Amino acid sequence: MVPGARTWAVGNTSDPATGLGQSPLRAPTVFNFLRPGYVPASTCIAAAALVAEINLLLAAGQLPTDTVAAISGAVQTIPGGAAEANRLRRVQSAMLLVLAAPGCIVQR
């Protein structure tokens, strides 16, 4: 604490060698300090949750579990990472595979 002041002298925390490597209001991108390809676990864009959500929306959740597992396995082989194109490719592939699955084509 600075003598005579009621505030803490935090200083510059941007330098990772001497501080946190992060400073308030100084995020390098609109993603704050998270990497652009960061996918939080248990969200609708994680691979298994993505296929489950598409199965629910496009096939009313009627795909058999073995088909969902096969589609999830195929989608997992597509690289995720930071590139927007990779994430888009995963979503497009999951949608195509769900729509092409025999369980989705049959009307019940």
PDB file of N, CA and C in Angstrom:
ATOM      1  N   MET A   1       0.848  -1.168   0.000  1.00  0.00           N
ATOM      2  CA  MET A   1       0.000   0.000   0.000  1.00  0.00           C
ATOM      3  C   MET A   1       0.901   1.240   0.000  1.00  0.00           C
ATOM      4  N   VAL A   2       0.510   2.225  -0.756  1.00  0.00           N
ATOM      5  CA  VAL A   2       1.266   3.475  -0.809  1.00  0.00           C
ATOM      6  C   VAL A   2       1.050   4.228   0.502  1.00  0.00           C
ATOM      7  N   PRO A   3       2.143   4.730   1.135  1.00  0.00           N
ATOM      8  CA  PRO A   3       1.969   5.459   2.406  1.00  0.00           C
ATOM      9  C   PRO A   3       1.034   6.661   2.253  1.00  0.00           C
ATOM     10  N   GLY A   4       0.076   6.791   3.140  1.00  0.00           N
ATOM     11  CA  GLY A   4      -0.854   7.914   3.130  1.00  0.00           C
ATOM     12  C   GLY A   4      -2.011   7.744   2.156  1.00  0.00           C
ATOM     13  N   ALA A   5      -2.017   6.688   1.356  1.00  0.00           N
ATOM     14  CA  ALA A   5      -3.094   6.471   0.375  1.00  0.00           C
ATOM     15  C   ALA A   5      -3.972   5.321   0.829  1.00  0.00           C
ATOM     16  N   ARG A   6      -5.164   5.291   0.315  1.00  0.00           N
ATOM     17  CA  ARG A   6      -6.088   4.211   0.666  1.00  0.00           C
ATOM     18  C   ARG A   6      -6.242   3.210  -0.478  1.00  0.00           C
ATOM     19  N   THR A   7      -5.308   3.179  -1.382  1.00  0.00           N
ATOM     20  CA  THR A   7      -5.345   2.251  -2.508  1.00  0.00           C
ATOM     21  C   THR A   7      -4.052   1.442  -2.553  1.00  0.00           C
ATOM     22  N   TRP A   8      -4.118   0.304  -3.172  1.00  0.00           N
ATOM     23  CA  TRP A   8      -2.944  -0.539  -3.340  1.00  0.00           C
ATOM     24  C   TRP A   8      -2.240  -0.159  -4.634  1.00  0.00           C
ATOM     25  N   ALA A   9      -0.946  -0.109  -4.615  1.00  0.00           N
ATOM     26  CA  ALA A   9      -0.160   0.163  -5.820  1.00  0.00           C
ATOM     27  C   ALA A   9       0.066  -1.161  -6.544  1.00  0.00           C
ATOM     28  N   VAL A  10      -0.825  -1.490  -7.443  1.00  0.00           N
ATOM     29  CA  VAL A  10      -0.739  -2.766  -8.151  1.00  0.00           C
ATOM     30  C   VAL A  10       0.344  -2.720  -9.212  1.00  0.00           C
ATOM     31  N   GLY A  11       0.458  -1.626  -9.910  1.00  0.00           N
ATOM     32  CA  GLY A  11       1.473  -1.497 -10.945  1.00  0.00           C
ATOM     33  C   GLY A  11       1.048  -2.196 -12.223  1.00  0.00           C
ATOM     34  N   ASN A  12       2.009  -2.395 -13.096  1.00  0.00           N
ATOM     35  CA  ASN A  12       1.752  -3.024 -14.388  1.00  0.00           C
ATOM     36  C   ASN A  12       1.835  -4.538 -14.236  1.00  0.00           C
ATOM     37  N   THR A  13       0.747  -5.219 -14.492  1.00  0.00           N
ATOM     38  CA  THR A  13       0.725  -6.675 -14.385  1.00  0.00           C
ATOM     39  C   THR A  13       0.796  -7.351 -15.755  1.00  0.00           C
ATOM     40  N   SER A  14       1.084  -6.588 -16.802  1.00  0.00           N
ATOM     41  CA  SER A  14       1.094  -7.136 -18.158  1.00  0.00           C
ATOM     42  C   SER A  14       2.290  -8.024 -18.451  1.00  0.00           C
ATOM     43  N   ASP A  15       3.396  -7.809 -17.778  1.00  0.00           N
ATOM     44  CA  ASP A  15       4.607  -8.579 -18.044  1.00  0.00           C
ATOM     45  C   ASP A  15       4.500  -9.954 -17.385  1.00  0.00           C
ATOM     46  N   PRO A  16       4.509 -11.047 -18.182  1.00  0.00           N
ATOM     47  CA  PRO A  16       4.377 -12.371 -17.583  1.00  0.00           C
ATOM     48  C   PRO A  16       5.590 -12.784 -16.751  1.00  0.00           C
ATOM     49  N   ALA A  17       6.733 -12.132 -16.941  1.00  0.00           N
ATOM     50  CA  ALA A  17       7.927 -12.478 -16.174  1.00  0.00           C
ATOM     51  C   ALA A  17       7.844 -11.949 -14.740  1.00  0.00           C
ATOM     52  N   THR A  18       7.166 -10.834 -14.557  1.00  0.00           N
ATOM     53  CA  THR A  18       7.107 -10.229 -13.225  1.00  0.00           C
ATOM     54  C   THR A  18       5.691 -10.076 -12.685  1.00  0.00           C
ATOM     55  N   GLY A  19       4.681 -10.341 -13.512  1.00  0.00           N
ATOM     56  CA  GLY A  19       3.296 -10.157 -13.078  1.00  0.00           C
ATOM     57  C   GLY A  19       2.413 -11.287 -13.578  1.00  0.00           C
ATOM     58  N   LEU A  20       1.181 -10.973 -13.768  1.00  0.00           N
ATOM     59  CA  LEU A  20       0.193 -11.961 -14.189  1.00  0.00           C
ATOM     60  C   LEU A  20       0.211 -12.251 -15.681  1.00  0.00           C
ATOM     61  N   GLY A  21       0.739 -11.328 -16.462  1.00  0.00           N
ATOM     62  CA  GLY A  21       0.661 -11.462 -17.914  1.00  0.00           C
ATOM     63  C   GLY A  21      -0.668 -10.955 -18.451  1.00  0.00           C
ATOM     64  N   GLN A  22      -1.452 -10.337 -17.585  1.00  0.00           N
ATOM     65  CA  GLN A  22      -2.762  -9.801 -17.960  1.00  0.00           C
ATOM     66  C   GLN A  22      -2.998  -8.514 -17.174  1.00  0.00           C
ATOM     67  N   SER A  23      -3.609  -7.555 -17.825  1.00  0.00           N
ATOM     68  CA  SER A  23      -3.975  -6.315 -17.142  1.00  0.00           C
ATOM     69  C   SER A  23      -5.439  -6.023 -17.415  1.00  0.00           C
ATOM     70  N   PRO A  24      -6.150  -5.438 -16.458  1.00  0.00           N
ATOM     71  CA  PRO A  24      -7.542  -5.093 -16.692  1.00  0.00           C
ATOM     72  C   PRO A  24      -7.692  -4.171 -17.900  1.00  0.00           C
ATOM     73  N   LEU A  25      -8.690  -4.451 -18.704  1.00  0.00           N
ATOM     74  CA  LEU A  25      -9.037  -3.668 -19.888  1.00  0.00           C
ATOM     75  C   LEU A  25      -7.943  -3.658 -20.954  1.00  0.00           C
ATOM     76  N   ARG A  26      -7.048  -4.628 -20.930  1.00  0.00           N
ATOM     77  CA  ARG A  26      -5.984  -4.715 -21.928  1.00  0.00           C
ATOM     78  C   ARG A  26      -5.947  -6.070 -22.595  1.00  0.00           C
ATOM     79  N   ALA A  27      -7.087  -6.670 -22.795  1.00  0.00           N
ATOM     80  CA  ALA A  27      -7.151  -7.971 -23.458  1.00  0.00           C
ATOM     81  C   ALA A  27      -6.701  -7.821 -24.909  1.00  0.00           C
ATOM     82  N   PRO A  28      -5.950  -8.794 -25.433  1.00  0.00           N
ATOM     83  CA  PRO A  28      -5.449  -8.671 -26.796  1.00  0.00           C
ATOM     84  C   PRO A  28      -6.520  -8.827 -27.867  1.00  0.00           C
ATOM     85  N   THR A  29      -7.631  -9.508 -27.555  1.00  0.00           N
ATOM     86  CA  THR A  29      -8.687  -9.720 -28.538  1.00  0.00           C
ATOM     87  C   THR A  29     -10.044  -9.586 -27.867  1.00  0.00           C
ATOM     88  N   VAL A  30     -11.090  -9.708 -28.661  1.00  0.00           N
ATOM     89  CA  VAL A  30     -12.449  -9.656 -28.121  1.00  0.00           C
ATOM     90  C   VAL A  30     -12.784 -10.900 -27.305  1.00  0.00           C
ATOM     91  N   PHE A  31     -11.917 -11.899 -27.346  1.00  0.00           N
ATOM     92  CA  PHE A  31     -12.121 -13.128 -26.582  1.00  0.00           C
ATOM     93  C   PHE A  31     -11.562 -12.994 -25.172  1.00  0.00           C
ATOM     94  N   ASN A  32     -11.223 -11.774 -24.780  1.00  0.00           N
ATOM     95  CA  ASN A  32     -10.601 -11.482 -23.500  1.00  0.00           C
ATOM     96  C   ASN A  32      -9.238 -12.152 -23.482  1.00  0.00           C
ATOM     97  N   PHE A  33      -8.888 -12.863 -22.443  1.00  0.00           N
ATOM     98  CA  PHE A  33      -7.586 -13.517 -22.395  1.00  0.00           C
ATOM     99  C   PHE A  33      -7.680 -14.993 -22.774  1.00  0.00           C
ATOM    100  N   LEU A  34      -8.838 -15.429 -23.259  1.00  0.00           N
ATOM    101  CA  LEU A  34      -9.001 -16.799 -23.726  1.00  0.00           C
ATOM    102  C   LEU A  34      -8.532 -16.895 -25.171  1.00  0.00           C
ATOM    103  N   ARG A  35      -8.056 -18.051 -25.556  1.00  0.00           N
ATOM    104  CA  ARG A  35      -7.656 -18.258 -26.940  1.00  0.00           C
ATOM    105  C   ARG A  35      -8.910 -18.301 -27.810  1.00  0.00           C
ATOM    106  N   PRO A  36      -8.831 -17.847 -29.057  1.00  0.00           N
ATOM    107  CA  PRO A  36     -10.010 -17.820 -29.922  1.00  0.00           C
ATOM    108  C   PRO A  36     -10.644 -19.199 -30.137  1.00  0.00           C
ATOM    109  N   GLY A  37      -9.885 -20.259 -30.071  1.00  0.00           N
ATOM    110  CA  GLY A  37     -10.431 -21.597 -30.272  1.00  0.00           C
ATOM    111  C   GLY A  37     -10.883 -22.284 -29.012  1.00  0.00           C
ATOM    112  N   TYR A  38     -10.889 -21.586 -27.897  1.00  0.00           N
ATOM    113  CA  TYR A  38     -11.252 -22.190 -26.620  1.00  0.00           C
ATOM    114  C   TYR A  38     -12.705 -22.640 -26.638  1.00  0.00           C
ATOM    115  N   VAL A  39     -12.920 -23.885 -26.262  1.00  0.00           N
ATOM    116  CA  VAL A  39     -14.273 -24.427 -26.177  1.00  0.00           C
ATOM    117  C   VAL A  39     -14.489 -24.888 -24.746  1.00  0.00           C
ATOM    118  N   PRO A  40     -15.343 -24.214 -23.999  1.00  0.00           N
ATOM    119  CA  PRO A  40     -15.598 -24.642 -22.627  1.00  0.00           C
ATOM    120  C   PRO A  40     -16.214 -26.042 -22.600  1.00  0.00           C
ATOM    121  N   ALA A  41     -15.769 -26.838 -21.659  1.00  0.00           N
ATOM    122  CA  ALA A  41     -16.328 -28.184 -21.516  1.00  0.00           C
ATOM    123  C   ALA A  41     -17.811 -28.095 -21.172  1.00  0.00           C
ATOM    124  N   SER A  42     -18.552 -29.089 -21.573  1.00  0.00           N
ATOM    125  CA  SER A  42     -19.987 -29.189 -21.294  1.00  0.00           C
ATOM    126  C   SER A  42     -20.794 -28.050 -21.902  1.00  0.00           C
ATOM    127  N   THR A  43     -20.373 -27.555 -23.058  1.00  0.00           N
ATOM    128  CA  THR A  43     -21.150 -26.542 -23.754  1.00  0.00           C
ATOM    129  C   THR A  43     -21.673 -27.131 -25.052  1.00  0.00           C
ATOM    130  N   CYS A  44     -22.558 -26.406 -25.712  1.00  0.00           N
ATOM    131  CA  CYS A  44     -23.184 -26.934 -26.918  1.00  0.00           C
ATOM    132  C   CYS A  44     -22.240 -26.990 -28.107  1.00  0.00           C
ATOM    133  N   ILE A  45     -21.006 -26.456 -27.993  1.00  0.00           N
ATOM    134  CA  ILE A  45     -20.084 -26.558 -29.118  1.00  0.00           C
ATOM    135  C   ILE A  45     -18.980 -27.574 -28.890  1.00  0.00           C
ATOM    136  N   ALA A  46     -18.933 -28.232 -27.728  1.00  0.00           N
ATOM    137  CA  ALA A  46     -18.008 -29.347 -27.522  1.00  0.00           C
ATOM    138  C   ALA A  46     -18.496 -30.502 -28.422  1.00  0.00           C
ATOM    139  N   ALA A  47     -17.657 -31.385 -28.902  1.00  0.00           N
ATOM    140  CA  ALA A  47     -18.006 -32.314 -30.001  1.00  0.00           C
ATOM    141  C   ALA A  47     -19.193 -33.207 -29.720  1.00  0.00           C
ATOM    142  N   ALA A  48     -19.237 -33.947 -28.563  1.00  0.00           N
ATOM    143  CA  ALA A  48     -20.353 -34.856 -28.250  1.00  0.00           C
ATOM    144  C   ALA A  48     -21.641 -34.059 -28.042  1.00  0.00           C
ATOM    145  N   ALA A  49     -21.550 -32.903 -27.375  1.00  0.00           N
ATOM    146  CA  ALA A  49     -22.721 -32.061 -27.149  1.00  0.00           C
ATOM    147  C   ALA A  49     -23.224 -31.470 -28.458  1.00  0.00           C
ATOM    148  N   LEU A  50     -22.302 -31.178 -29.373  1.00  0.00           N
ATOM    149  CA  LEU A  50     -22.687 -30.645 -30.678  1.00  0.00           C
ATOM    150  C   LEU A  50     -23.565 -31.645 -31.423  1.00  0.00           C
ATOM    151  N   VAL A  51     -23.135 -32.892 -31.485  1.00  0.00           N
ATOM    152  CA  VAL A  51     -23.902 -33.927 -32.200  1.00  0.00           C
ATOM    153  C   VAL A  51     -25.232 -34.183 -31.501  1.00  0.00           C
ATOM    154  N   ALA A  52     -25.229 -34.181 -30.183  1.00  0.00           N
ATOM    155  CA  ALA A  52     -26.487 -34.381 -29.447  1.00  0.00           C
ATOM    156  C   ALA A  52     -27.475 -33.255 -29.736  1.00  0.00           C
ATOM    157  N   GLU A  53     -26.981 -32.035 -29.786  1.00  0.00           N
ATOM    158  CA  GLU A  53     -27.850 -30.884 -30.066  1.00  0.00           C
ATOM    159  C   GLU A  53     -28.402 -30.940 -31.490  1.00  0.00           C
ATOM    160  N   ILE A  54     -27.545 -31.290 -32.443  1.00  0.00           N
ATOM    161  CA  ILE A  54     -28.004 -31.383 -33.836  1.00  0.00           C
ATOM    162  C   ILE A  54     -28.977 -32.546 -33.996  1.00  0.00           C
ATOM    163  N   ASN A  55     -28.721 -33.649 -33.305  1.00  0.00           N
ATOM    164  CA  ASN A  55     -29.663 -34.776 -33.322  1.00  0.00           C
ATOM    165  C   ASN A  55     -31.018 -34.336 -32.788  1.00  0.00           C
ATOM    166  N   LEU A  56     -31.018 -33.567 -31.729  1.00  0.00           N
ATOM    167  CA  LEU A  56     -32.277 -33.093 -31.145  1.00  0.00           C
ATOM    168  C   LEU A  56     -33.010 -32.145 -32.092  1.00  0.00           C
ATOM    169  N   LEU A  57     -32.273 -31.197 -32.669  1.00  0.00           N
ATOM    170  CA  LEU A  57     -32.913 -30.178 -33.503  1.00  0.00           C
ATOM    171  C   LEU A  57     -33.327 -30.686 -34.883  1.00  0.00           C
ATOM    172  N   LEU A  58     -32.488 -31.523 -35.496  1.00  0.00           N
ATOM    173  CA  LEU A  58     -32.768 -31.938 -36.868  1.00  0.00           C
ATOM    174  C   LEU A  58     -33.428 -33.308 -36.975  1.00  0.00           C
ATOM    175  N   ALA A  59     -33.241 -34.153 -35.972  1.00  0.00           N
ATOM    176  CA  ALA A  59     -33.816 -35.498 -36.047  1.00  0.00           C
ATOM    177  C   ALA A  59     -34.741 -35.790 -34.877  1.00  0.00           C
ATOM    178  N   ALA A  60     -35.125 -34.754 -34.145  1.00  0.00           N
ATOM    179  CA  ALA A  60     -36.025 -34.901 -32.993  1.00  0.00           C
ATOM    180  C   ALA A  60     -35.498 -35.916 -31.986  1.00  0.00           C
ATOM    181  N   GLY A  61     -34.161 -36.066 -31.920  1.00  0.00           N
ATOM    182  CA  GLY A  61     -33.542 -36.986 -30.968  1.00  0.00           C
ATOM    183  C   GLY A  61     -33.782 -38.445 -31.272  1.00  0.00           C
ATOM    184  N   GLN A  62     -34.144 -38.780 -32.520  1.00  0.00           N
ATOM    185  CA  GLN A  62     -34.524 -40.148 -32.865  1.00  0.00           C
ATOM    186  C   GLN A  62     -33.380 -41.019 -33.364  1.00  0.00           C
ATOM    187  N   LEU A  63     -32.189 -40.462 -33.530  1.00  0.00           N
ATOM    188  CA  LEU A  63     -31.086 -41.286 -34.023  1.00  0.00           C
ATOM    189  C   LEU A  63     -30.689 -42.312 -32.969  1.00  0.00           C
ATOM    190  N   PRO A  64     -30.395 -43.538 -33.401  1.00  0.00           N
ATOM    191  CA  PRO A  64     -29.938 -44.563 -32.449  1.00  0.00           C
ATOM    192  C   PRO A  64     -28.605 -44.153 -31.814  1.00  0.00           C
ATOM    193  N   THR A  65     -28.359 -44.636 -30.615  1.00  0.00           N
ATOM    194  CA  THR A  65     -27.143 -44.255 -29.887  1.00  0.00           C
ATOM    195  C   THR A  65     -25.880 -44.678 -30.625  1.00  0.00           C
ATOM    196  N   ASP A  66     -25.904 -45.810 -31.338  1.00  0.00           N
ATOM    197  CA  ASP A  66     -24.705 -46.219 -32.077  1.00  0.00           C
ATOM    198  C   ASP A  66     -24.424 -45.269 -33.242  1.00  0.00           C
ATOM    199  N   THR A  67     -25.473 -44.750 -33.863  1.00  0.00           N
ATOM    200  CA  THR A  67     -25.292 -43.777 -34.944  1.00  0.00           C
ATOM    201  C   THR A  67     -24.737 -42.465 -34.397  1.00  0.00           C
ATOM    202  N   VAL A  68     -25.264 -42.009 -33.272  1.00  0.00           N
ATOM    203  CA  VAL A  68     -24.774 -40.782 -32.647  1.00  0.00           C
ATOM    204  C   VAL A  68     -23.312 -40.947 -32.252  1.00  0.00           C
ATOM    205  N   ALA A  69     -22.954 -42.111 -31.723  1.00  0.00           N
ATOM    206  CA  ALA A  69     -21.567 -42.365 -31.339  1.00  0.00           C
ATOM    207  C   ALA A  69     -20.651 -42.367 -32.557  1.00  0.00           C
ATOM    208  N   ALA A  70     -21.108 -42.961 -33.657  1.00  0.00           N
ATOM    209  CA  ALA A  70     -20.301 -42.984 -34.880  1.00  0.00           C
ATOM    210  C   ALA A  70     -20.105 -41.575 -35.441  1.00  0.00           C
ATOM    211  N   ILE A  71     -21.163 -40.787 -35.429  1.00  0.00           N
ATOM    212  CA  ILE A  71     -21.062 -39.406 -35.920  1.00  0.00           C
ATOM    213  C   ILE A  71     -20.149 -38.591 -35.012  1.00  0.00           C
ATOM    214  N   SER A  72     -20.286 -38.753 -33.709  1.00  0.00           N
ATOM    215  CA  SER A  72     -19.424 -38.035 -32.768  1.00  0.00           C
ATOM    216  C   SER A  72     -17.961 -38.403 -32.983  1.00  0.00           C
ATOM    217  N   GLY A  73     -17.698 -39.685 -33.204  1.00  0.00           N
ATOM    218  CA  GLY A  73     -16.327 -40.128 -33.472  1.00  0.00           C
ATOM    219  C   GLY A  73     -15.768 -39.510 -34.734  1.00  0.00           C
ATOM    220  N   ALA A  74     -16.594 -39.415 -35.768  1.00  0.00           N
ATOM    221  CA  ALA A  74     -16.146 -38.812 -37.027  1.00  0.00           C
ATOM    222  C   ALA A  74     -15.886 -37.320 -36.850  1.00  0.00           C
ATOM    223  N   VAL A  75     -16.738 -36.642 -36.119  1.00  0.00           N
ATOM    224  CA  VAL A  75     -16.567 -35.205 -35.905  1.00  0.00           C
ATOM    225  C   VAL A  75     -15.323 -34.934 -35.057  1.00  0.00           C
ATOM    226  N   GLN A  76     -15.017 -35.825 -34.112  1.00  0.00           N
ATOM    227  CA  GLN A  76     -13.832 -35.656 -33.262  1.00  0.00           C
ATOM    228  C   GLN A  76     -12.544 -35.712 -34.066  1.00  0.00           C
ATOM    229  N   THR A  77     -12.558 -36.375 -35.233  1.00  0.00           N
ATOM    230  CA  THR A  77     -11.337 -36.470 -36.039  1.00  0.00           C
ATOM    231  C   THR A  77     -11.026 -35.170 -36.777  1.00  0.00           C
ATOM    232  N   ILE A  78     -11.998 -34.282 -36.887  1.00  0.00           N
ATOM    233  CA  ILE A  78     -11.781 -33.001 -37.548  1.00  0.00           C
ATOM    234  C   ILE A  78     -11.081 -32.088 -36.554  1.00  0.00           C
ATOM    235  N   PRO A  79      -9.952 -31.488 -36.951  1.00  0.00           N
ATOM    236  CA  PRO A  79      -9.236 -30.630 -35.997  1.00  0.00           C
ATOM    237  C   PRO A  79     -10.103 -29.472 -35.524  1.00  0.00           C
ATOM    238  N   GLY A  80     -10.022 -29.183 -34.238  1.00  0.00           N
ATOM    239  CA  GLY A  80     -10.734 -28.036 -33.683  1.00  0.00           C
ATOM    240  C   GLY A  80      -9.810 -26.841 -33.703  1.00  0.00           C
ATOM    241  N   GLY A  81      -9.251 -26.522 -32.571  1.00  0.00           N
ATOM    242  CA  GLY A  81      -8.250 -25.475 -32.491  1.00  0.00           C
ATOM    243  C   GLY A  81      -8.809 -24.074 -32.620  1.00  0.00           C
ATOM    244  N   ALA A  82      -7.897 -23.162 -32.892  1.00  0.00           N
ATOM    245  CA  ALA A  82      -8.233 -21.750 -32.876  1.00  0.00           C
ATOM    246  C   ALA A  82      -8.878 -21.250 -34.161  1.00  0.00           C
ATOM    247  N   ALA A  83      -8.704 -21.977 -35.241  1.00  0.00           N
ATOM    248  CA  ALA A  83      -9.182 -21.470 -36.533  1.00  0.00           C
ATOM    249  C   ALA A  83     -10.699 -21.551 -36.622  1.00  0.00           C
ATOM    250  N   GLU A  84     -11.301 -20.443 -36.983  1.00  0.00           N
ATOM    251  CA  GLU A  84     -12.759 -20.379 -37.161  1.00  0.00           C
ATOM    252  C   GLU A  84     -13.204 -21.366 -38.224  1.00  0.00           C
ATOM    253  N   ALA A  85     -12.397 -21.537 -39.268  1.00  0.00           N
ATOM    254  CA  ALA A  85     -12.749 -22.459 -40.353  1.00  0.00           C
ATOM    255  C   ALA A  85     -12.834 -23.887 -39.849  1.00  0.00           C
ATOM    256  N   ASN A  86     -11.968 -24.283 -38.930  1.00  0.00           N
ATOM    257  CA  ASN A  86     -12.017 -25.639 -38.385  1.00  0.00           C
ATOM    258  C   ASN A  86     -13.286 -25.872 -37.578  1.00  0.00           C
ATOM    259  N   ARG A  87     -13.654 -24.894 -36.767  1.00  0.00           N
ATOM    260  CA  ARG A  87     -14.889 -25.038 -35.979  1.00  0.00           C
ATOM    261  C   ARG A  87     -16.106 -25.092 -36.891  1.00  0.00           C
ATOM    262  N   LEU A  88     -16.117 -24.255 -37.911  1.00  0.00           N
ATOM    263  CA  LEU A  88     -17.218 -24.261 -38.872  1.00  0.00           C
ATOM    264  C   LEU A  88     -17.291 -25.602 -39.598  1.00  0.00           C
ATOM    265  N   ARG A  89     -16.133 -26.146 -39.961  1.00  0.00           N
ATOM    266  CA  ARG A  89     -16.083 -27.448 -40.627  1.00  0.00           C
ATOM    267  C   ARG A  89     -16.656 -28.548 -39.735  1.00  0.00           C
ATOM    268  N   ARG A  90     -16.387 -28.473 -38.433  1.00  0.00           N
ATOM    269  CA  ARG A  90     -16.937 -29.467 -37.493  1.00  0.00           C
ATOM    270  C   ARG A  90     -18.465 -29.387 -37.453  1.00  0.00           C
ATOM    271  N   VAL A  91     -18.995 -28.183 -37.374  1.00  0.00           N
ATOM    272  CA  VAL A  91     -20.452 -28.010 -37.311  1.00  0.00           C
ATOM    273  C   VAL A  91     -21.095 -28.470 -38.613  1.00  0.00           C
ATOM    274  N   GLN A  92     -20.525 -28.067 -39.741  1.00  0.00           N
ATOM    275  CA  GLN A  92     -21.090 -28.460 -41.034  1.00  0.00           C
ATOM    276  C   GLN A  92     -21.041 -29.971 -41.220  1.00  0.00           C
ATOM    277  N   SER A  93     -19.939 -30.589 -40.829  1.00  0.00           N
ATOM    278  CA  SER A  93     -19.819 -32.046 -40.965  1.00  0.00           C
ATOM    279  C   SER A  93     -20.826 -32.766 -40.077  1.00  0.00           C
ATOM    280  N   ALA A  94     -20.979 -32.292 -38.856  1.00  0.00           N
ATOM    281  CA  ALA A  94     -21.949 -32.910 -37.945  1.00  0.00           C
ATOM    282  C   ALA A  94     -23.361 -32.791 -38.505  1.00  0.00           C
ATOM    283  N   MET A  95     -23.688 -31.634 -39.054  1.00  0.00           N
ATOM    284  CA  MET A  95     -25.028 -31.457 -39.627  1.00  0.00           C
ATOM    285  C   MET A  95     -25.234 -32.376 -40.834  1.00  0.00           C
ATOM    286  N   LEU A  96     -24.249 -32.463 -41.697  1.00  0.00           N
ATOM    287  CA  LEU A  96     -24.361 -33.316 -42.874  1.00  0.00           C
ATOM    288  C   LEU A  96     -24.520 -34.780 -42.478  1.00  0.00           C
ATOM    289  N   LEU A  97     -23.712 -35.234 -41.526  1.00  0.00           N
ATOM    290  CA  LEU A  97     -23.787 -36.638 -41.116  1.00  0.00           C
ATOM    291  C   LEU A  97     -25.114 -36.967 -40.432  1.00  0.00           C
ATOM    292  N   VAL A  98     -25.626 -36.045 -39.638  1.00  0.00           N
ATOM    293  CA  VAL A  98     -26.930 -36.285 -39.002  1.00  0.00           C
ATOM    294  C   VAL A  98     -28.034 -36.322 -40.056  1.00  0.00           C
ATOM    295  N   LEU A  99     -28.010 -35.373 -40.986  1.00  0.00           N
ATOM    296  CA  LEU A  99     -29.051 -35.338 -42.015  1.00  0.00           C
ATOM    297  C   LEU A  99     -28.973 -36.522 -42.974  1.00  0.00           C
ATOM    298  N   ALA A 100     -27.779 -37.083 -43.162  1.00  0.00           N
ATOM    299  CA  ALA A 100     -27.621 -38.225 -44.065  1.00  0.00           C
ATOM    300  C   ALA A 100     -27.855 -39.562 -43.366  1.00  0.00           C
ATOM    301  N   ALA A 101     -27.956 -39.564 -42.059  1.00  0.00           N
ATOM    302  CA  ALA A 101     -28.168 -40.807 -41.313  1.00  0.00           C
ATOM    303  C   ALA A 101     -29.551 -41.375 -41.627  1.00  0.00           C
ATOM    304  N   PRO A 102     -29.621 -42.702 -41.789  1.00  0.00           N
ATOM    305  CA  PRO A 102     -30.920 -43.323 -42.097  1.00  0.00           C
ATOM    306  C   PRO A 102     -32.000 -43.033 -41.056  1.00  0.00           C
ATOM    307  N   GLY A 103     -31.625 -42.907 -39.805  1.00  0.00           N
ATOM    308  CA  GLY A 103     -32.591 -42.631 -38.750  1.00  0.00           C
ATOM    309  C   GLY A 103     -33.201 -41.251 -38.855  1.00  0.00           C
ATOM    310  N   CYS A 104     -32.522 -40.341 -39.508  1.00  0.00           N
ATOM    311  CA  CYS A 104     -33.033 -38.976 -39.679  1.00  0.00           C
ATOM    312  C   CYS A 104     -33.982 -38.890 -40.877  1.00  0.00           C
ATOM    313  N   ILE A 105     -33.752 -39.754 -41.851  1.00  0.00           N
ATOM    314  CA  ILE A 105     -34.533 -39.707 -43.086  1.00  0.00           C
ATOM    315  C   ILE A 105     -35.923 -40.305 -42.901  1.00  0.00           C
ATOM    316  N   VAL A 106     -36.044 -41.272 -41.995  1.00  0.00           N
ATOM    317  CA  VAL A 106     -37.311 -41.956 -41.762  1.00  0.00           C
ATOM    318  C   VAL A 106     -38.227 -41.066 -40.949  1.00  0.00           C
ATOM    319  N   GLN A 107     -39.450 -40.871 -41.427  1.00  0.00           N
ATOM    320  CA  GLN A 107     -40.421 -40.076 -40.701  1.00  0.00           C
ATOM    321  C   GLN A 107     -41.233 -41.007 -39.809  1.00  0.00           C
ATOM    322  N   ARG A 108     -41.340 -40.666 -38.529  1.00  0.00           N
ATOM    323  CA  ARG A 108     -42.102 -41.511 -37.587  1.00  0.00           C
ATOM    324  C   ARG A 108     -43.290 -40.764 -37.068  1.00  0.00           C
TER     325      ARG A 108
END
